[in-house]
């Protein structure tokens, strides 16, 4: 499928044509304003700058030089786009996790009946960025973890917030961090992010890959994803890279 055909399907399924029409006159200017402003607030009212560092984390030395994390937090365009700018991340790929291989395609996943979540597989070097630091970016810049089965304008279980852990260490770190954030009252509502071990990951179609970097002026990207990239730059400067 060509990229413009994929974009058309994506827009129709997510009401993006309506959003694009509403933002056609001011979308780009608003997006620039949001990106430049520090501490971009979530829909929940929490600023990413309020997210504490994890107290339980993996060691930054003595382990493998390459590890994998799989995270789901709404539309994978923005999730991938943010993690592509995190120091120590060598690759970020959009895809589907939580369902079967036979139905791991966009048209079927969009029926919201397959059990998949739009996800991103992140390859990283823990000597440069640890798993806990990736989770801090995930909670602090990528998504609102208090939104159950939706993120912003995207509604349905395929947009749910999930940490798909790859091993026991990741599961321990993820569970401890969620408990830490809830105890600290980092968000005004309980975190609904789930921790799911062992799910397979299936790469998404080519037209979904690198969408933010290839289409930075797309109205959906301007309104929903560039502010996330701005939050990464403003609130986690030690982890941000161009």
C-alpha atoms as a PDB file:
ATOM      1  CA  UNK A   1       0.000   0.000   0.000  1.00  0.00           C
ATOM      2  CA  UNK A   2       1.292   3.443  -0.866  1.00  0.00           C
ATOM      3  CA  UNK A   3       1.858   5.898   1.952  1.00  0.00           C
ATOM      4  CA  UNK A   4      -0.882   8.278   0.802  1.00  0.00           C
ATOM      5  CA  UNK A   5      -3.402   5.418   0.722  1.00  0.00           C
ATOM      6  CA  UNK A   6      -2.387   4.370   4.206  1.00  0.00           C
ATOM      7  CA  UNK A   7      -2.729   7.902   5.484  1.00  0.00           C
ATOM      8  CA  UNK A   8      -6.236   8.124   4.030  1.00  0.00           C
ATOM      9  CA  UNK A   9      -7.341   4.946   5.834  1.00  0.00           C
ATOM     10  CA  UNK A  10      -5.708   6.071   9.055  1.00  0.00           C
ATOM     11  CA  UNK A  11      -7.385   9.447   8.911  1.00  0.00           C
ATOM     12  CA  UNK A  12     -10.828   8.020   8.226  1.00  0.00           C
ATOM     13  CA  UNK A  13     -10.635   5.506  11.055  1.00  0.00           C
ATOM     14  CA  UNK A  14      -9.519   8.074  13.609  1.00  0.00           C
ATOM     15  CA  UNK A  15     -11.613  11.094  12.667  1.00  0.00           C
ATOM     16  CA  UNK A  16      -8.447  12.840  11.499  1.00  0.00           C
ATOM     17  CA  UNK A  17     -10.175  14.411   8.539  1.00  0.00           C
ATOM     18  CA  UNK A  18     -12.320  16.361  11.003  1.00  0.00           C
ATOM     19  CA  UNK A  19      -9.279  17.315  13.036  1.00  0.00           C
ATOM     20  CA  UNK A  20      -7.370  18.412   9.952  1.00  0.00           C
ATOM     21  CA  UNK A  21     -10.243  20.644   8.852  1.00  0.00           C
ATOM     22  CA  UNK A  22     -10.463  22.248  12.273  1.00  0.00           C
ATOM     23  CA  UNK A  23      -6.732  22.929  12.402  1.00  0.00           C
ATOM     24  CA  UNK A  24      -6.148  23.899   8.791  1.00  0.00           C
ATOM     25  CA  UNK A  25      -5.838  27.611   9.547  1.00  0.00           C
ATOM     26  CA  UNK A  26      -3.929  27.507  12.822  1.00  0.00           C
ATOM     27  CA  UNK A  27      -2.601  23.968  13.257  1.00  0.00           C
ATOM     28  CA  UNK A  28       1.028  24.519  12.368  1.00  0.00           C
ATOM     29  CA  UNK A  29       1.338  27.717  14.391  1.00  0.00           C
ATOM     30  CA  UNK A  30      -0.306  26.088  17.402  1.00  0.00           C
ATOM     31  CA  UNK A  31       1.964  23.092  17.093  1.00  0.00           C
ATOM     32  CA  UNK A  32       5.078  25.277  17.107  1.00  0.00           C
ATOM     33  CA  UNK A  33       3.836  27.088  20.202  1.00  0.00           C
ATOM     34  CA  UNK A  34       3.206  23.829  22.021  1.00  0.00           C
ATOM     35  CA  UNK A  35       6.541  22.328  21.115  1.00  0.00           C
ATOM     36  CA  UNK A  36       8.471  25.336  22.354  1.00  0.00           C
ATOM     37  CA  UNK A  37       6.589  25.603  25.644  1.00  0.00           C
ATOM     38  CA  UNK A  38       8.143  23.673  28.570  1.00  0.00           C
ATOM     39  CA  UNK A  39       6.196  21.296  30.763  1.00  0.00           C
ATOM     40  CA  UNK A  40       3.496  20.430  28.223  1.00  0.00           C
ATOM     41  CA  UNK A  41       0.489  19.285  30.303  1.00  0.00           C
ATOM     42  CA  UNK A  42      -1.363  16.046  29.703  1.00  0.00           C
ATOM     43  CA  UNK A  43      -5.140  15.872  29.399  1.00  0.00           C
ATOM     44  CA  UNK A  44      -5.048  14.789  33.043  1.00  0.00           C
ATOM     45  CA  UNK A  45      -3.506  18.132  34.022  1.00  0.00           C
ATOM     46  CA  UNK A  46      -0.139  16.682  35.034  1.00  0.00           C
ATOM     47  CA  UNK A  47       3.057  18.189  33.664  1.00  0.00           C
ATOM     48  CA  UNK A  48       5.731  15.799  32.451  1.00  0.00           C
ATOM     49  CA  UNK A  49       8.230  17.687  34.632  1.00  0.00           C
ATOM     50  CA  UNK A  50       6.455  16.268  37.715  1.00  0.00           C
ATOM     51  CA  UNK A  51       7.338  12.652  36.912  1.00  0.00           C
ATOM     52  CA  UNK A  52       9.992  11.329  39.336  1.00  0.00           C
ATOM     53  CA  UNK A  53      12.852   9.065  38.313  1.00  0.00           C
ATOM     54  CA  UNK A  54      12.323   5.371  39.075  1.00  0.00           C
ATOM     55  CA  UNK A  55      13.749   4.065  42.339  1.00  0.00           C
ATOM     56  CA  UNK A  56      13.969   0.524  40.917  1.00  0.00           C
ATOM     57  CA  UNK A  57      15.925   0.175  37.687  1.00  0.00           C
ATOM     58  CA  UNK A  58      18.310  -2.056  35.775  1.00  0.00           C
ATOM     59  CA  UNK A  59      22.090  -1.544  36.073  1.00  0.00           C
ATOM     60  CA  UNK A  60      23.619   0.717  33.464  1.00  0.00           C
ATOM     61  CA  UNK A  61      26.754  -1.401  33.180  1.00  0.00           C
ATOM     62  CA  UNK A  62      27.785  -5.035  33.224  1.00  0.00           C
ATOM     63  CA  UNK A  63      24.874  -6.257  31.121  1.00  0.00           C
ATOM     64  CA  UNK A  64      24.084  -6.660  27.423  1.00  0.00           C
ATOM     65  CA  UNK A  65      24.827  -3.698  25.178  1.00  0.00           C
ATOM     66  CA  UNK A  66      21.502  -4.083  23.368  1.00  0.00           C
ATOM     67  CA  UNK A  67      18.080  -4.744  24.884  1.00  0.00           C
ATOM     68  CA  UNK A  68      14.483  -4.526  23.700  1.00  0.00           C
ATOM     69  CA  UNK A  69      11.448  -2.798  25.182  1.00  0.00           C
ATOM     70  CA  UNK A  70       7.881  -2.898  23.815  1.00  0.00           C
ATOM     71  CA  UNK A  71       5.532  -0.082  24.843  1.00  0.00           C
ATOM     72  CA  UNK A  72       1.991   0.882  23.824  1.00  0.00           C
ATOM     73  CA  UNK A  73       0.565   4.320  24.557  1.00  0.00           C
ATOM     74  CA  UNK A  74      -1.906   5.370  21.887  1.00  0.00           C
ATOM     75  CA  UNK A  75      -1.185   5.940  18.218  1.00  0.00           C
ATOM     76  CA  UNK A  76       2.222   4.469  17.444  1.00  0.00           C
ATOM     77  CA  UNK A  77       3.168   7.421  15.221  1.00  0.00           C
ATOM     78  CA  UNK A  78       3.953   9.627  18.207  1.00  0.00           C
ATOM     79  CA  UNK A  79       5.339   6.885  20.440  1.00  0.00           C
ATOM     80  CA  UNK A  80       7.840   5.893  17.771  1.00  0.00           C
ATOM     81  CA  UNK A  81       8.632   9.514  16.964  1.00  0.00           C
ATOM     82  CA  UNK A  82       9.494  10.372  20.564  1.00  0.00           C
ATOM     83  CA  UNK A  83      11.681   7.340  21.220  1.00  0.00           C
ATOM     84  CA  UNK A  84      13.599   7.922  17.994  1.00  0.00           C
ATOM     85  CA  UNK A  85      14.904  11.053  19.722  1.00  0.00           C
ATOM     86  CA  UNK A  86      15.963   9.364  22.974  1.00  0.00           C
ATOM     87  CA  UNK A  87      19.676   8.992  23.598  1.00  0.00           C
ATOM     88  CA  UNK A  88      20.785   5.353  23.518  1.00  0.00           C
ATOM     89  CA  UNK A  89      17.871   4.170  21.360  1.00  0.00           C
ATOM     90  CA  UNK A  90      19.226   2.629  18.166  1.00  0.00           C
ATOM     91  CA  UNK A  91      15.858   1.668  16.648  1.00  0.00           C
ATOM     92  CA  UNK A  92      12.133   2.181  17.227  1.00  0.00           C
ATOM     93  CA  UNK A  93       9.605   0.298  15.114  1.00  0.00           C
ATOM     94  CA  UNK A  94       5.822   0.659  15.030  1.00  0.00           C
ATOM     95  CA  UNK A  95       3.768  -2.504  15.240  1.00  0.00           C
ATOM     96  CA  UNK A  96       1.122  -4.541  17.016  1.00  0.00           C
ATOM     97  CA  UNK A  97       1.365  -6.565  20.245  1.00  0.00           C
ATOM     98  CA  UNK A  98      -1.089  -8.470  22.402  1.00  0.00           C
ATOM     99  CA  UNK A  99      -2.852 -10.430  19.654  1.00  0.00           C
ATOM    100  CA  UNK A 100      -2.211 -13.127  17.071  1.00  0.00           C
ATOM    101  CA  UNK A 101      -0.087 -12.981  13.930  1.00  0.00           C
ATOM    102  CA  UNK A 102      -3.045 -13.704  11.634  1.00  0.00           C
ATOM    103  CA  UNK A 103      -4.827 -10.476  12.535  1.00  0.00           C
ATOM    104  CA  UNK A 104      -1.789  -8.215  13.038  1.00  0.00           C
ATOM    105  CA  UNK A 105      -2.579  -5.762  10.263  1.00  0.00           C
ATOM    106  CA  UNK A 106      -3.969  -2.248  10.460  1.00  0.00           C
ATOM    107  CA  UNK A 107      -7.350  -2.844   8.823  1.00  0.00           C
ATOM    108  CA  UNK A 108      -8.150  -5.748  11.152  1.00  0.00           C
ATOM    109  CA  UNK A 109      -6.672  -4.236  14.302  1.00  0.00           C
ATOM    110  CA  UNK A 110      -8.799  -1.134  13.658  1.00  0.00           C
ATOM    111  CA  UNK A 111     -11.960  -3.220  14.174  1.00  0.00           C
ATOM    112  CA  UNK A 112     -10.957  -3.244  17.863  1.00  0.00           C
ATOM    113  CA  UNK A 113     -11.664  -6.988  18.104  1.00  0.00           C
ATOM    114  CA  UNK A 114      -8.186  -8.537  17.783  1.00  0.00           C
ATOM    115  CA  UNK A 115      -6.681  -7.815  21.199  1.00  0.00           C
ATOM    116  CA  UNK A 116      -3.704  -5.975  19.734  1.00  0.00           C
ATOM    117  CA  UNK A 117      -2.388  -2.643  20.960  1.00  0.00           C
ATOM    118  CA  UNK A 118      -0.568  -0.254  18.670  1.00  0.00           C
ATOM    119  CA  UNK A 119       2.952  -0.632  20.037  1.00  0.00           C
ATOM    120  CA  UNK A 120       6.562   0.332  19.480  1.00  0.00           C
ATOM    121  CA  UNK A 121       9.532  -2.007  19.759  1.00  0.00           C
ATOM    122  CA  UNK A 122      12.539  -0.094  21.086  1.00  0.00           C
ATOM    123  CA  UNK A 123      16.118  -1.304  20.776  1.00  0.00           C
ATOM    124  CA  UNK A 124      18.383   0.459  23.249  1.00  0.00           C
ATOM    125  CA  UNK A 125      21.773   0.426  24.948  1.00  0.00           C
ATOM    126  CA  UNK A 126      21.293   0.324  28.753  1.00  0.00           C
ATOM    127  CA  UNK A 127      24.712   1.890  29.264  1.00  0.00           C
ATOM    128  CA  UNK A 128      23.241   5.056  27.716  1.00  0.00           C
ATOM    129  CA  UNK A 129      19.594   4.826  28.726  1.00  0.00           C
ATOM    130  CA  UNK A 130      18.139   2.331  31.183  1.00  0.00           C
ATOM    131  CA  UNK A 131      14.781   0.603  31.043  1.00  0.00           C
ATOM    132  CA  UNK A 132      13.563   2.726  33.928  1.00  0.00           C
ATOM    133  CA  UNK A 133      14.553   5.901  32.100  1.00  0.00           C
ATOM    134  CA  UNK A 134      12.625   4.724  29.041  1.00  0.00           C
ATOM    135  CA  UNK A 135       9.586   4.227  31.274  1.00  0.00           C
ATOM    136  CA  UNK A 136      10.035   7.712  32.719  1.00  0.00           C
ATOM    137  CA  UNK A 137       9.852   9.128  29.192  1.00  0.00           C
ATOM    138  CA  UNK A 138       6.881   6.853  28.471  1.00  0.00           C
ATOM    139  CA  UNK A 139       4.925   8.209  31.448  1.00  0.00           C
ATOM    140  CA  UNK A 140       6.328  11.737  31.323  1.00  0.00           C
ATOM    141  CA  UNK A 141       6.205  12.644  27.637  1.00  0.00           C
ATOM    142  CA  UNK A 142       4.489   9.988  25.528  1.00  0.00           C
ATOM    143  CA  UNK A 143       1.007   9.392  26.945  1.00  0.00           C
ATOM    144  CA  UNK A 144      -1.572  10.040  29.634  1.00  0.00           C
ATOM    145  CA  UNK A 145      -1.574   6.784  31.644  1.00  0.00           C
ATOM    146  CA  UNK A 146      -4.915   7.582  33.294  1.00  0.00           C
ATOM    147  CA  UNK A 147      -6.893   7.223  30.039  1.00  0.00           C
ATOM    148  CA  UNK A 148      -8.467   3.763  29.779  1.00  0.00           C
ATOM    149  CA  UNK A 149      -8.642   2.317  26.250  1.00  0.00           C
ATOM    150  CA  UNK A 150      -8.028   5.633  24.529  1.00  0.00           C
ATOM    151  CA  UNK A 151      -5.430   8.358  24.067  1.00  0.00           C
ATOM    152  CA  UNK A 152      -6.637  11.823  23.124  1.00  0.00           C
ATOM    153  CA  UNK A 153      -8.754  11.561  19.956  1.00  0.00           C
ATOM    154  CA  UNK A 154      -7.994   7.842  19.445  1.00  0.00           C
ATOM    155  CA  UNK A 155     -10.615   5.591  21.049  1.00  0.00           C
ATOM    156  CA  UNK A 156     -10.569   1.822  21.452  1.00  0.00           C
ATOM    157  CA  UNK A 157      -8.538  -0.926  23.154  1.00  0.00           C
ATOM    158  CA  UNK A 158      -5.896  -0.850  20.418  1.00  0.00           C
ATOM    159  CA  UNK A 159      -4.882   2.546  21.874  1.00  0.00           C
ATOM    160  CA  UNK A 160      -4.608   1.287  25.442  1.00  0.00           C
ATOM    161  CA  UNK A 161      -1.573   1.890  27.639  1.00  0.00           C
ATOM    162  CA  UNK A 162       0.508  -1.268  28.054  1.00  0.00           C
ATOM    163  CA  UNK A 163       4.051  -2.189  29.004  1.00  0.00           C
ATOM    164  CA  UNK A 164       4.849  -5.478  27.257  1.00  0.00           C
ATOM    165  CA  UNK A 165       7.720  -6.755  29.379  1.00  0.00           C
ATOM    166  CA  UNK A 166      10.388  -8.915  27.790  1.00  0.00           C
ATOM    167  CA  UNK A 167      11.785 -10.527  30.942  1.00  0.00           C
ATOM    168  CA  UNK A 168      11.345 -10.756  34.718  1.00  0.00           C
ATOM    169  CA  UNK A 169      13.601  -7.774  35.347  1.00  0.00           C
ATOM    170  CA  UNK A 170      11.497  -5.509  33.149  1.00  0.00           C
ATOM    171  CA  UNK A 171       8.324  -6.731  34.827  1.00  0.00           C
ATOM    172  CA  UNK A 172       9.735  -5.958  38.271  1.00  0.00           C
ATOM    173  CA  UNK A 173      10.879  -2.476  37.197  1.00  0.00           C
ATOM    174  CA  UNK A 174       7.557  -1.661  35.487  1.00  0.00           C
ATOM    175  CA  UNK A 175       5.387  -2.801  38.400  1.00  0.00           C
ATOM    176  CA  UNK A 176       7.579  -0.971  40.906  1.00  0.00           C
ATOM    177  CA  UNK A 177       7.492   2.246  38.892  1.00  0.00           C
ATOM    178  CA  UNK A 178       3.708   2.255  38.510  1.00  0.00           C
ATOM    179  CA  UNK A 179       3.384   1.709  42.256  1.00  0.00           C
ATOM    180  CA  UNK A 180       5.885   4.523  42.873  1.00  0.00           C
ATOM    181  CA  UNK A 181       4.017   6.956  40.627  1.00  0.00           C
ATOM    182  CA  UNK A 182       0.654   6.122  42.193  1.00  0.00           C
ATOM    183  CA  UNK A 183       2.062   6.485  45.704  1.00  0.00           C
ATOM    184  CA  UNK A 184       3.639   9.821  44.803  1.00  0.00           C
ATOM    185  CA  UNK A 185       0.357  11.085  43.353  1.00  0.00           C
ATOM    186  CA  UNK A 186       2.123  11.917  40.099  1.00  0.00           C
ATOM    187  CA  UNK A 187      -1.229  11.948  38.294  1.00  0.00           C
ATOM    188  CA  UNK A 188      -4.613  13.201  39.509  1.00  0.00           C
ATOM    189  CA  UNK A 189      -6.198   9.817  38.764  1.00  0.00           C
ATOM    190  CA  UNK A 190      -4.987   6.210  39.133  1.00  0.00           C
ATOM    191  CA  UNK A 191      -2.687   4.850  36.438  1.00  0.00           C
ATOM    192  CA  UNK A 192      -4.479   2.343  34.200  1.00  0.00           C
ATOM    193  CA  UNK A 193      -1.347   1.188  32.356  1.00  0.00           C
ATOM    194  CA  UNK A 194      -1.109  -2.596  32.432  1.00  0.00           C
ATOM    195  CA  UNK A 195       2.022  -4.742  32.567  1.00  0.00           C
ATOM    196  CA  UNK A 196       1.811  -7.746  30.241  1.00  0.00           C
ATOM    197  CA  UNK A 197       4.656 -10.257  29.897  1.00  0.00           C
ATOM    198  CA  UNK A 198       5.665 -12.249  26.859  1.00  0.00           C
ATOM    199  CA  UNK A 199       3.477 -10.824  24.067  1.00  0.00           C
ATOM    200  CA  UNK A 200       4.687 -11.203  20.498  1.00  0.00           C
ATOM    201  CA  UNK A 201       5.397  -8.098  18.445  1.00  0.00           C
ATOM    202  CA  UNK A 202       4.434  -7.785  14.772  1.00  0.00           C
ATOM    203  CA  UNK A 203       5.835  -4.896  12.695  1.00  0.00           C
ATOM    204  CA  UNK A 204       3.256  -2.527  11.222  1.00  0.00           C
ATOM    205  CA  UNK A 205       2.892  -1.690   7.555  1.00  0.00           C
ATOM    206  CA  UNK A 206       5.641   0.340   5.885  1.00  0.00           C
ATOM    207  CA  UNK A 207       3.482   3.477   5.600  1.00  0.00           C
ATOM    208  CA  UNK A 208       3.225   3.666   9.394  1.00  0.00           C
ATOM    209  CA  UNK A 209       6.978   3.633   9.961  1.00  0.00           C
ATOM    210  CA  UNK A 210       8.816   6.904  10.726  1.00  0.00           C
ATOM    211  CA  UNK A 211       5.536   8.760  10.266  1.00  0.00           C
ATOM    212  CA  UNK A 212       6.343  11.721  12.500  1.00  0.00           C
ATOM    213  CA  UNK A 213       9.701  12.398  10.885  1.00  0.00           C
ATOM    214  CA  UNK A 214       8.319  11.974   7.364  1.00  0.00           C
ATOM    215  CA  UNK A 215       5.108  13.993   7.890  1.00  0.00           C
ATOM    216  CA  UNK A 216       5.846  16.656  10.537  1.00  0.00           C
ATOM    217  CA  UNK A 217       3.212  19.025   9.107  1.00  0.00           C
ATOM    218  CA  UNK A 218       0.376  16.513   9.181  1.00  0.00           C
ATOM    219  CA  UNK A 219      -2.423  18.086  11.260  1.00  0.00           C
ATOM    220  CA  UNK A 220      -2.697  15.097  13.585  1.00  0.00           C
ATOM    221  CA  UNK A 221       1.055  15.068  14.172  1.00  0.00           C
ATOM    222  CA  UNK A 222       1.101  18.826  14.829  1.00  0.00           C
ATOM    223  CA  UNK A 223      -1.729  18.684  17.348  1.00  0.00           C
ATOM    224  CA  UNK A 224      -0.982  15.421  19.141  1.00  0.00           C
ATOM    225  CA  UNK A 225       2.627  14.329  18.655  1.00  0.00           C
ATOM    226  CA  UNK A 226       4.891  17.350  18.259  1.00  0.00           C
ATOM    227  CA  UNK A 227       3.956  18.473  21.803  1.00  0.00           C
ATOM    228  CA  UNK A 228       5.206  15.087  23.058  1.00  0.00           C
ATOM    229  CA  UNK A 229       8.513  15.608  21.304  1.00  0.00           C
ATOM    230  CA  UNK A 230       8.642  19.095  22.789  1.00  0.00           C
ATOM    231  CA  UNK A 231       8.055  17.658  26.276  1.00  0.00           C
ATOM    232  CA  UNK A 232      10.940  15.229  25.772  1.00  0.00           C
ATOM    233  CA  UNK A 233      13.234  18.093  24.759  1.00  0.00           C
ATOM    234  CA  UNK A 234      12.124  20.415  27.562  1.00  0.00           C
ATOM    235  CA  UNK A 235      11.788  18.019  30.487  1.00  0.00           C
ATOM    236  CA  UNK A 236      14.376  15.352  29.707  1.00  0.00           C
ATOM    237  CA  UNK A 237      17.209  17.299  28.053  1.00  0.00           C
ATOM    238  CA  UNK A 238      19.781  14.773  29.279  1.00  0.00           C
ATOM    239  CA  UNK A 239      17.991  12.084  27.249  1.00  0.00           C
ATOM    240  CA  UNK A 240      17.073  14.099  24.167  1.00  0.00           C
ATOM    241  CA  UNK A 241      18.986  13.851  20.897  1.00  0.00           C
ATOM    242  CA  UNK A 242      18.238  15.237  17.439  1.00  0.00           C
END
